[in-house]
Amino acid sequence: MMASAKLHRTQSLSENFLRYASELRSVAECLQTAQRSEEGSVKTVAIVCFSSSSGLCGAFNSNIIKATHQRVAEYTAKGTAVMLLPVGKKIADEIRKVPSLTACFDFSTMNERVEKGDAYELACKLIDHLLKLYAENKIQRIELVYHHFKSMGQQVISYKPLPIQKPIAGPLQEDLITEPTPQELADILYPKQLRAELYATLLDASTSEHAARMMAMQTADDNANELLQELTLLYNKTRQQSITNELIDIMGGKIAS
């Protein structure tokens, strides 16, 4: 019941915020004509991986841990270094256990702040930190690894790259007027778009977590009820057999006497 209540709340937050993120994305797409090309090859990629901070949600955490290991292995095979930024205590604990994995910055409690209403501020800090790393040429790409909420019974592992390169504003349509200039407006909207994309992903992952926990609890409840019925039937059969044996003993004693 608690997971169901949290699910409906985060799902409502996610749907409402997606409208804002979608409109912001459409405005940014109207302004830009191209992305700035990456200078050189991608030497380091920052992977933000989203898990839960508690258990009892089925294979939710094990799937994201497996996907993160797989993604790290793919980049390592290409000769690309990986920086991990865990969101959620379960994935943060897993990274600490593996010597070959290191977390460059810990935002493991950010998913817990969704219910308290201040997760967006932490998402902004995470984006600002990533932009600083990009400005210092310590990373050249950002990728999000998370569960996408597709339905109550299906949460899909997804990989989403963030457009870290600043957009190049081009000529606008005749019916569009901007103030300030298109390039200045694109530069203003650029960090806002990244923050919106990250926060929308956080809400999506939180919704998936509560859905997975609700389904896991429902399955556990069904299994417990099924086991209770089987044990009740076994108890009744054993009790009936005991009564039958006692009656046979009594009847056998009377016949003998």
C-alpha atoms as a PDB file:
ATOM      1  CA  MET A   1       0.000   0.000   0.000  1.00  0.00           C
ATOM      2  CA  MET A   2       2.877   2.382   0.764  1.00  0.00           C
ATOM      3  CA  ALA A   3       4.534   1.575  -2.565  1.00  0.00           C
ATOM      4  CA  SER A   4       1.214   2.137  -4.344  1.00  0.00           C
ATOM      5  CA  ALA A   5       0.768   5.574  -2.746  1.00  0.00           C
ATOM      6  CA  LYS A   6       4.349   6.600  -3.602  1.00  0.00           C
ATOM      7  CA  LEU A   7       3.929   5.256  -7.124  1.00  0.00           C
ATOM      8  CA  HIS A   8       0.872   7.386  -7.842  1.00  0.00           C
ATOM      9  CA  ARG A   9       2.610  10.485  -6.462  1.00  0.00           C
ATOM     10  CA  THR A  10       5.850  10.075  -8.426  1.00  0.00           C
ATOM     11  CA  GLN A  11       3.939   9.091 -11.557  1.00  0.00           C
ATOM     12  CA  SER A  12       1.897  12.278 -11.318  1.00  0.00           C
ATOM     13  CA  LEU A  13       5.066  14.343 -10.772  1.00  0.00           C
ATOM     14  CA  SER A  14       6.757  12.671 -13.732  1.00  0.00           C
ATOM     15  CA  GLU A  15       3.830  13.230 -16.108  1.00  0.00           C
ATOM     16  CA  ASN A  16       3.474  16.878 -15.121  1.00  0.00           C
ATOM     17  CA  PHE A  17       7.188  17.627 -15.354  1.00  0.00           C
ATOM     18  CA  LEU A  18       7.513  15.863 -18.716  1.00  0.00           C
ATOM     19  CA  ARG A  19       5.222  18.527 -20.201  1.00  0.00           C
ATOM     20  CA  TYR A  20       7.630  21.234 -19.089  1.00  0.00           C
ATOM     21  CA  ALA A  21      10.685  19.276 -20.272  1.00  0.00           C
ATOM     22  CA  SER A  22       9.031  18.581 -23.626  1.00  0.00           C
ATOM     23  CA  GLU A  23       8.185  22.250 -24.209  1.00  0.00           C
ATOM     24  CA  LEU A  24      11.686  23.312 -23.177  1.00  0.00           C
ATOM     25  CA  ARG A  25      13.184  20.773 -25.560  1.00  0.00           C
ATOM     26  CA  SER A  26      11.003  21.964 -28.443  1.00  0.00           C
ATOM     27  CA  VAL A  27      12.036  25.598 -27.874  1.00  0.00           C
ATOM     28  CA  ALA A  28      15.701  24.612 -27.786  1.00  0.00           C
ATOM     29  CA  GLU A  29      15.291  22.609 -30.999  1.00  0.00           C
ATOM     30  CA  CYS A  30      13.736  25.639 -32.719  1.00  0.00           C
ATOM     31  CA  LEU A  31      16.787  27.713 -31.858  1.00  0.00           C
ATOM     32  CA  GLN A  32      19.605  25.350 -32.691  1.00  0.00           C
ATOM     33  CA  THR A  33      20.573  24.030 -36.082  1.00  0.00           C
ATOM     34  CA  ALA A  34      23.486  21.836 -35.015  1.00  0.00           C
ATOM     35  CA  GLN A  35      25.549  20.641 -32.096  1.00  0.00           C
ATOM     36  CA  ARG A  36      29.116  21.718 -31.678  1.00  0.00           C
ATOM     37  CA  SER A  37      31.340  18.906 -32.864  1.00  0.00           C
ATOM     38  CA  GLU A  38      33.360  17.055 -30.250  1.00  0.00           C
ATOM     39  CA  GLU A  39      37.001  17.988 -30.303  1.00  0.00           C
ATOM     40  CA  GLY A  40      38.916  14.774 -30.751  1.00  0.00           C
ATOM     41  CA  SER A  41      37.741  11.377 -29.604  1.00  0.00           C
ATOM     42  CA  VAL A  42      35.824  10.665 -26.398  1.00  0.00           C
ATOM     43  CA  LYS A  43      38.456   9.835 -23.816  1.00  0.00           C
ATOM     44  CA  THR A  44      36.267   9.805 -20.713  1.00  0.00           C
ATOM     45  CA  VAL A  45      32.528   9.270 -20.302  1.00  0.00           C
ATOM     46  CA  ALA A  46      30.531  10.052 -17.176  1.00  0.00           C
ATOM     47  CA  ILE A  47      27.821   7.471 -16.436  1.00  0.00           C
ATOM     48  CA  VAL A  48      25.038   8.461 -14.055  1.00  0.00           C
ATOM     49  CA  CYS A  49      23.375   5.244 -12.870  1.00  0.00           C
ATOM     50  CA  PHE A  50      20.073   5.210 -10.971  1.00  0.00           C
ATOM     51  CA  SER A  51      19.099   2.544  -8.432  1.00  0.00           C
ATOM     52  CA  SER A  52      16.988   2.469  -5.279  1.00  0.00           C
ATOM     53  CA  SER A  53      18.210   3.096  -1.745  1.00  0.00           C
ATOM     54  CA  SER A  54      16.305   0.161  -0.233  1.00  0.00           C
ATOM     55  CA  GLY A  55      15.463  -3.398  -1.185  1.00  0.00           C
ATOM     56  CA  LEU A  56      12.259  -5.423  -1.508  1.00  0.00           C
ATOM     57  CA  CYS A  57      11.804  -4.392  -5.151  1.00  0.00           C
ATOM     58  CA  GLY A  58      12.549  -7.644  -6.960  1.00  0.00           C
ATOM     59  CA  ALA A  59      15.261  -7.597  -9.611  1.00  0.00           C
ATOM     60  CA  PHE A  60      15.187  -3.793  -9.923  1.00  0.00           C
ATOM     61  CA  ASN A  61      18.622  -3.182  -8.393  1.00  0.00           C
ATOM     62  CA  SER A  62      20.321  -6.314  -9.730  1.00  0.00           C
ATOM     63  CA  ASN A  63      19.273  -5.367 -13.272  1.00  0.00           C
ATOM     64  CA  ILE A  64      20.691  -1.847 -13.032  1.00  0.00           C
ATOM     65  CA  ILE A  65      23.901  -3.158 -11.461  1.00  0.00           C
ATOM     66  CA  LYS A  66      24.274  -5.681 -14.277  1.00  0.00           C
ATOM     67  CA  ALA A  67      23.575  -2.999 -16.910  1.00  0.00           C
ATOM     68  CA  THR A  68      26.157  -0.671 -15.344  1.00  0.00           C
ATOM     69  CA  HIS A  69      28.842  -3.378 -15.321  1.00  0.00           C
ATOM     70  CA  GLN A  70      28.033  -4.200 -18.932  1.00  0.00           C
ATOM     71  CA  ARG A  71      28.222  -0.556 -20.000  1.00  0.00           C
ATOM     72  CA  VAL A  72      31.539  -0.039 -18.206  1.00  0.00           C
ATOM     73  CA  ALA A  73      32.936  -3.149 -19.888  1.00  0.00           C
ATOM     74  CA  GLU A  74      31.841  -1.893 -23.321  1.00  0.00           C
ATOM     75  CA  TYR A  75      33.554   1.472 -22.870  1.00  0.00           C
ATOM     76  CA  THR A  76      36.661  -0.115 -21.339  1.00  0.00           C
ATOM     77  CA  ALA A  77      36.964  -2.426 -24.331  1.00  0.00           C
ATOM     78  CA  LYS A  78      37.019   0.667 -26.573  1.00  0.00           C
ATOM     79  CA  GLY A  79      39.776   2.247 -24.490  1.00  0.00           C
ATOM     80  CA  THR A  80      37.432   4.875 -22.989  1.00  0.00           C
ATOM     81  CA  ALA A  81      37.764   5.750 -19.321  1.00  0.00           C
ATOM     82  CA  VAL A  82      34.602   5.789 -17.206  1.00  0.00           C
ATOM     83  CA  MET A  83      33.514   8.046 -14.338  1.00  0.00           C
ATOM     84  CA  LEU A  84      30.578   6.692 -12.342  1.00  0.00           C
ATOM     85  CA  LEU A  85      28.105   8.902 -10.521  1.00  0.00           C
ATOM     86  CA  PRO A  86      25.732   6.677  -8.511  1.00  0.00           C
ATOM     87  CA  VAL A  87      22.227   7.836  -7.632  1.00  0.00           C
ATOM     88  CA  GLY A  88      20.858   5.411  -5.048  1.00  0.00           C
ATOM     89  CA  LYS A  89      22.553   3.603  -2.157  1.00  0.00           C
ATOM     90  CA  LYS A  90      22.340   0.144  -3.732  1.00  0.00           C
ATOM     91  CA  ILE A  91      24.428   1.019  -6.785  1.00  0.00           C
ATOM     92  CA  ALA A  92      26.765   3.147  -4.640  1.00  0.00           C
ATOM     93  CA  ASP A  93      27.392   0.159  -2.317  1.00  0.00           C
ATOM     94  CA  GLU A  94      28.039  -2.085  -5.332  1.00  0.00           C
ATOM     95  CA  ILE A  95      30.610   0.345  -6.738  1.00  0.00           C
ATOM     96  CA  ARG A  96      32.454   0.394  -3.399  1.00  0.00           C
ATOM     97  CA  LYS A  97      32.662  -3.416  -3.420  1.00  0.00           C
ATOM     98  CA  VAL A  98      34.348  -3.620  -6.840  1.00  0.00           C
ATOM     99  CA  PRO A  99      37.978  -2.398  -6.797  1.00  0.00           C
ATOM    100  CA  SER A 100      37.965  -1.628 -10.532  1.00  0.00           C
ATOM    101  CA  LEU A 101      35.003   0.761 -10.158  1.00  0.00           C
ATOM    102  CA  THR A 102      35.241   4.164  -8.524  1.00  0.00           C
ATOM    103  CA  ALA A 103      32.619   6.838  -7.983  1.00  0.00           C
ATOM    104  CA  CYS A 104      33.932  10.309  -8.815  1.00  0.00           C
ATOM    105  CA  PHE A 105      31.055  11.978  -6.942  1.00  0.00           C
ATOM    106  CA  ASP A 106      28.357  10.541  -4.707  1.00  0.00           C
ATOM    107  CA  PHE A 107      24.737  11.596  -5.226  1.00  0.00           C
ATOM    108  CA  SER A 108      23.411   8.368  -3.716  1.00  0.00           C
ATOM    109  CA  THR A 109      20.726  10.119  -1.634  1.00  0.00           C
ATOM    110  CA  MET A 110      19.265  12.236  -4.444  1.00  0.00           C
ATOM    111  CA  ASN A 111      16.496   9.736  -5.239  1.00  0.00           C
ATOM    112  CA  GLU A 112      15.350   9.875  -1.600  1.00  0.00           C
ATOM    113  CA  ARG A 113      14.745  13.631  -1.917  1.00  0.00           C
ATOM    114  CA  VAL A 114      12.009  13.203  -4.542  1.00  0.00           C
ATOM    115  CA  GLU A 115       9.373  12.646  -1.858  1.00  0.00           C
ATOM    116  CA  LYS A 116      10.655  15.625   0.138  1.00  0.00           C
ATOM    117  CA  GLY A 117      10.434  17.956  -2.854  1.00  0.00           C
ATOM    118  CA  ASP A 118      14.027  19.191  -3.079  1.00  0.00           C
ATOM    119  CA  ALA A 119      15.458  16.662  -5.532  1.00  0.00           C
ATOM    120  CA  TYR A 120      15.496  19.235  -8.342  1.00  0.00           C
ATOM    121  CA  GLU A 121      18.071  21.338  -6.474  1.00  0.00           C
ATOM    122  CA  LEU A 122      20.339  18.292  -6.170  1.00  0.00           C
ATOM    123  CA  ALA A 123      19.814  17.532  -9.862  1.00  0.00           C
ATOM    124  CA  CYS A 124      20.965  21.072 -10.669  1.00  0.00           C
ATOM    125  CA  LYS A 125      24.091  20.572  -8.544  1.00  0.00           C
ATOM    126  CA  LEU A 126      24.844  17.316 -10.353  1.00  0.00           C
ATOM    127  CA  ILE A 127      24.509  18.970 -13.775  1.00  0.00           C
ATOM    128  CA  ASP A 128      26.666  21.906 -12.665  1.00  0.00           C
ATOM    129  CA  HIS A 129      29.302  19.431 -11.484  1.00  0.00           C
ATOM    130  CA  LEU A 130      29.218  17.598 -14.830  1.00  0.00           C
ATOM    131  CA  LEU A 131      29.434  20.856 -16.787  1.00  0.00           C
ATOM    132  CA  LYS A 132      32.464  21.826 -14.710  1.00  0.00           C
ATOM    133  CA  LEU A 133      34.126  18.509 -15.533  1.00  0.00           C
ATOM    134  CA  TYR A 134      33.313  19.060 -19.197  1.00  0.00           C
ATOM    135  CA  ALA A 135      34.707  22.608 -19.129  1.00  0.00           C
ATOM    136  CA  GLU A 136      37.933  21.240 -17.608  1.00  0.00           C
ATOM    137  CA  ASN A 137      38.023  18.612 -20.401  1.00  0.00           C
ATOM    138  CA  LYS A 138      37.853  15.785 -17.845  1.00  0.00           C
ATOM    139  CA  ILE A 139      34.824  14.235 -19.560  1.00  0.00           C
ATOM    140  CA  GLN A 140      33.569  14.392 -23.134  1.00  0.00           C
ATOM    141  CA  ARG A 141      30.238  12.551 -22.832  1.00  0.00           C
ATOM    142  CA  ILE A 142      27.423  12.014 -20.308  1.00  0.00           C
ATOM    143  CA  GLU A 143      25.198   8.960 -20.279  1.00  0.00           C
ATOM    144  CA  LEU A 144      22.281   8.026 -18.005  1.00  0.00           C
ATOM    145  CA  VAL A 145      21.551   4.386 -17.111  1.00  0.00           C
ATOM    146  CA  TYR A 146      18.151   3.876 -15.517  1.00  0.00           C
ATOM    147  CA  HIS A 147      14.820   2.035 -15.570  1.00  0.00           C
ATOM    148  CA  HIS A 148      12.199   3.557 -17.844  1.00  0.00           C
ATOM    149  CA  PHE A 149       8.625   3.191 -16.578  1.00  0.00           C
ATOM    150  CA  LYS A 150       6.741   1.543 -19.428  1.00  0.00           C
ATOM    151  CA  SER A 151       3.878  -0.010 -17.476  1.00  0.00           C
ATOM    152  CA  MET A 152       3.051  -1.346 -14.030  1.00  0.00           C
ATOM    153  CA  GLY A 153       4.546  -4.720 -14.853  1.00  0.00           C
ATOM    154  CA  GLN A 154       7.387  -3.592 -17.121  1.00  0.00           C
ATOM    155  CA  GLN A 155      10.339  -1.342 -16.357  1.00  0.00           C
ATOM    156  CA  VAL A 156      12.926  -1.273 -19.150  1.00  0.00           C
ATOM    157  CA  ILE A 157      16.648  -0.628 -18.769  1.00  0.00           C
ATOM    158  CA  SER A 158      17.414   2.482 -20.822  1.00  0.00           C
ATOM    159  CA  TYR A 159      20.535   4.390 -21.861  1.00  0.00           C
ATOM    160  CA  LYS A 160      20.156   8.121 -22.499  1.00  0.00           C
ATOM    161  CA  PRO A 161      23.014  10.390 -23.628  1.00  0.00           C
ATOM    162  CA  LEU A 162      22.817  14.034 -22.567  1.00  0.00           C
ATOM    163  CA  PRO A 163      23.674  16.724 -25.142  1.00  0.00           C
ATOM    164  CA  ILE A 164      26.685  18.133 -23.323  1.00  0.00           C
ATOM    165  CA  GLN A 165      27.990  20.185 -26.260  1.00  0.00           C
ATOM    166  CA  LYS A 166      26.613  23.699 -26.408  1.00  0.00           C
ATOM    167  CA  PRO A 167      24.203  24.167 -29.323  1.00  0.00           C
ATOM    168  CA  ILE A 168      24.821  26.444 -32.289  1.00  0.00           C
ATOM    169  CA  ALA A 169      21.895  28.763 -32.979  1.00  0.00           C
ATOM    170  CA  GLY A 170      20.987  29.260 -36.611  1.00  0.00           C
ATOM    171  CA  PRO A 171      18.549  31.369 -38.631  1.00  0.00           C
ATOM    172  CA  LEU A 172      15.027  31.317 -37.217  1.00  0.00           C
ATOM    173  CA  GLN A 173      11.703  31.007 -38.912  1.00  0.00           C
ATOM    174  CA  GLU A 174      10.171  34.248 -40.146  1.00  0.00           C
ATOM    175  CA  ASP A 175       7.431  34.229 -37.497  1.00  0.00           C
ATOM    176  CA  LEU A 176       9.850  33.802 -34.564  1.00  0.00           C
ATOM    177  CA  ILE A 177      11.334  36.748 -32.693  1.00  0.00           C
ATOM    178  CA  THR A 178      13.769  36.294 -29.809  1.00  0.00           C
ATOM    179  CA  GLU A 179      15.135  38.623 -27.186  1.00  0.00           C
ATOM    180  CA  PRO A 180      18.094  38.437 -26.615  1.00  0.00           C
ATOM    181  CA  THR A 181      19.780  37.001 -29.720  1.00  0.00           C
ATOM    182  CA  PRO A 182      19.135  33.351 -30.693  1.00  0.00           C
ATOM    183  CA  GLN A 183      22.642  32.277 -29.642  1.00  0.00           C
ATOM    184  CA  GLU A 184      22.372  34.019 -26.259  1.00  0.00           C
ATOM    185  CA  LEU A 185      18.961  32.454 -25.690  1.00  0.00           C
ATOM    186  CA  ALA A 186      20.298  29.029 -26.681  1.00  0.00           C
ATOM    187  CA  ASP A 187      23.149  29.415 -24.183  1.00  0.00           C
ATOM    188  CA  ILE A 188      20.633  30.327 -21.437  1.00  0.00           C
ATOM    189  CA  LEU A 189      18.343  27.401 -22.210  1.00  0.00           C
ATOM    190  CA  TYR A 190      21.220  24.923 -22.554  1.00  0.00           C
ATOM    191  CA  PRO A 191      21.834  24.274 -18.799  1.00  0.00           C
ATOM    192  CA  LYS A 192      18.088  24.428 -18.096  1.00  0.00           C
ATOM    193  CA  GLN A 193      17.489  21.709 -20.665  1.00  0.00           C
ATOM    194  CA  LEU A 194      20.175  19.475 -19.132  1.00  0.00           C
ATOM    195  CA  ARG A 195      18.701  19.946 -15.654  1.00  0.00           C
ATOM    196  CA  ALA A 196      15.219  19.175 -16.921  1.00  0.00           C
ATOM    197  CA  GLU A 197      16.402  16.025 -18.700  1.00  0.00           C
ATOM    198  CA  LEU A 198      18.217  14.758 -15.608  1.00  0.00           C
ATOM    199  CA  TYR A 199      15.321  15.510 -13.251  1.00  0.00           C
ATOM    200  CA  ALA A 200      12.822  13.874 -15.642  1.00  0.00           C
ATOM    201  CA  THR A 201      15.037  10.778 -15.686  1.00  0.00           C
ATOM    202  CA  LEU A 202      15.179  10.791 -11.879  1.00  0.00           C
ATOM    203  CA  LEU A 203      11.373  10.905 -11.674  1.00  0.00           C
ATOM    204  CA  ASP A 204      11.114   8.137 -14.274  1.00  0.00           C
ATOM    205  CA  ALA A 205      13.527   5.929 -12.315  1.00  0.00           C
ATOM    206  CA  SER A 206      11.701   6.619  -9.020  1.00  0.00           C
ATOM    207  CA  THR A 207       8.357   5.723 -10.612  1.00  0.00           C
ATOM    208  CA  SER A 208       9.869   2.482 -11.907  1.00  0.00           C
ATOM    209  CA  GLU A 209      11.263   1.705  -8.452  1.00  0.00           C
ATOM    210  CA  HIS A 210       7.884   2.048  -6.721  1.00  0.00           C
ATOM    211  CA  ALA A 211       6.173   0.031  -9.461  1.00  0.00           C
ATOM    212  CA  ALA A 212       8.761  -2.743  -9.106  1.00  0.00           C
ATOM    213  CA  ARG A 213       8.394  -2.723  -5.319  1.00  0.00           C
ATOM    214  CA  MET A 214       4.593  -2.819  -5.572  1.00  0.00           C
ATOM    215  CA  MET A 215       4.735  -5.801  -7.946  1.00  0.00           C
ATOM    216  CA  ALA A 216       7.308  -7.567  -5.755  1.00  0.00           C
ATOM    217  CA  MET A 217       5.160  -7.091  -2.657  1.00  0.00           C
ATOM    218  CA  GLN A 218       2.064  -8.274  -4.522  1.00  0.00           C
ATOM    219  CA  THR A 219       3.910 -11.375  -5.711  1.00  0.00           C
ATOM    220  CA  ALA A 220       5.199 -12.047  -2.192  1.00  0.00           C
ATOM    221  CA  ASP A 221       1.684 -11.666  -0.794  1.00  0.00           C
ATOM    222  CA  ASP A 222       0.255 -14.054  -3.394  1.00  0.00           C
ATOM    223  CA  ASN A 223       3.008 -16.598  -2.685  1.00  0.00           C
ATOM    224  CA  ALA A 224       2.383 -16.337   1.064  1.00  0.00           C
ATOM    225  CA  ASN A 225      -1.356 -16.884   0.604  1.00  0.00           C
ATOM    226  CA  GLU A 226      -0.698 -19.860  -1.665  1.00  0.00           C
ATOM    227  CA  LEU A 227       1.729 -21.343   0.859  1.00  0.00           C
ATOM    228  CA  LEU A 228      -0.805 -20.765   3.655  1.00  0.00           C
ATOM    229  CA  GLN A 229      -3.475 -22.636   1.708  1.00  0.00           C
ATOM    230  CA  GLU A 230      -1.109 -25.537   1.051  1.00  0.00           C
ATOM    231  CA  LEU A 231      -0.091 -25.733   4.718  1.00  0.00           C
ATOM    232  CA  THR A 232      -3.739 -25.511   5.841  1.00  0.00           C
ATOM    233  CA  LEU A 233      -4.655 -28.368   3.514  1.00  0.00           C
ATOM    234  CA  LEU A 234      -1.702 -30.416   4.760  1.00  0.00           C
ATOM    235  CA  TYR A 235      -2.674 -29.712   8.374  1.00  0.00           C
ATOM    236  CA  ASN A 236      -6.276 -30.784   7.760  1.00  0.00           C
ATOM    237  CA  LYS A 237      -5.150 -33.963   6.012  1.00  0.00           C
ATOM    238  CA  THR A 238      -2.742 -34.799   8.858  1.00  0.00           C
ATOM    239  CA  ARG A 239      -5.397 -34.057  11.477  1.00  0.00           C
ATOM    240  CA  GLN A 240      -7.971 -36.186   9.648  1.00  0.00           C
ATOM    241  CA  GLN A 241      -5.477 -39.028   9.351  1.00  0.00           C
ATOM    242  CA  SER A 242      -4.729 -38.785  13.088  1.00  0.00           C
ATOM    243  CA  ILE A 243      -8.448 -38.909  13.949  1.00  0.00           C
ATOM    244  CA  THR A 244      -8.923 -41.856  11.596  1.00  0.00           C
ATOM    245  CA  ASN A 245      -6.036 -43.741  13.225  1.00  0.00           C
ATOM    246  CA  GLU A 246      -7.470 -43.092  16.696  1.00  0.00           C
ATOM    247  CA  LEU A 247     -10.908 -44.384  15.600  1.00  0.00           C
ATOM    248  CA  ILE A 248      -9.300 -47.484  14.110  1.00  0.00           C
ATOM    249  CA  ASP A 249      -7.433 -48.091  17.390  1.00  0.00           C
ATOM    250  CA  ILE A 250     -10.641 -47.659  19.422  1.00  0.00           C
ATOM    251  CA  MET A 251     -12.623 -49.948  17.146  1.00  0.00           C
ATOM    252  CA  GLY A 252      -9.813 -52.476  17.151  1.00  0.00           C
ATOM    253  CA  GLY A 253      -9.725 -52.471  20.963  1.00  0.00           C
ATOM    254  CA  LYS A 254     -13.506 -53.046  21.243  1.00  0.00           C
ATOM    255  CA  ILE A 255     -13.399 -55.948  18.791  1.00  0.00           C
ATOM    256  CA  ALA A 256     -10.512 -57.526  20.683  1.00  0.00           C
ATOM    257  CA  SER A 257     -12.325 -57.235  24.011  1.00  0.00           C
END
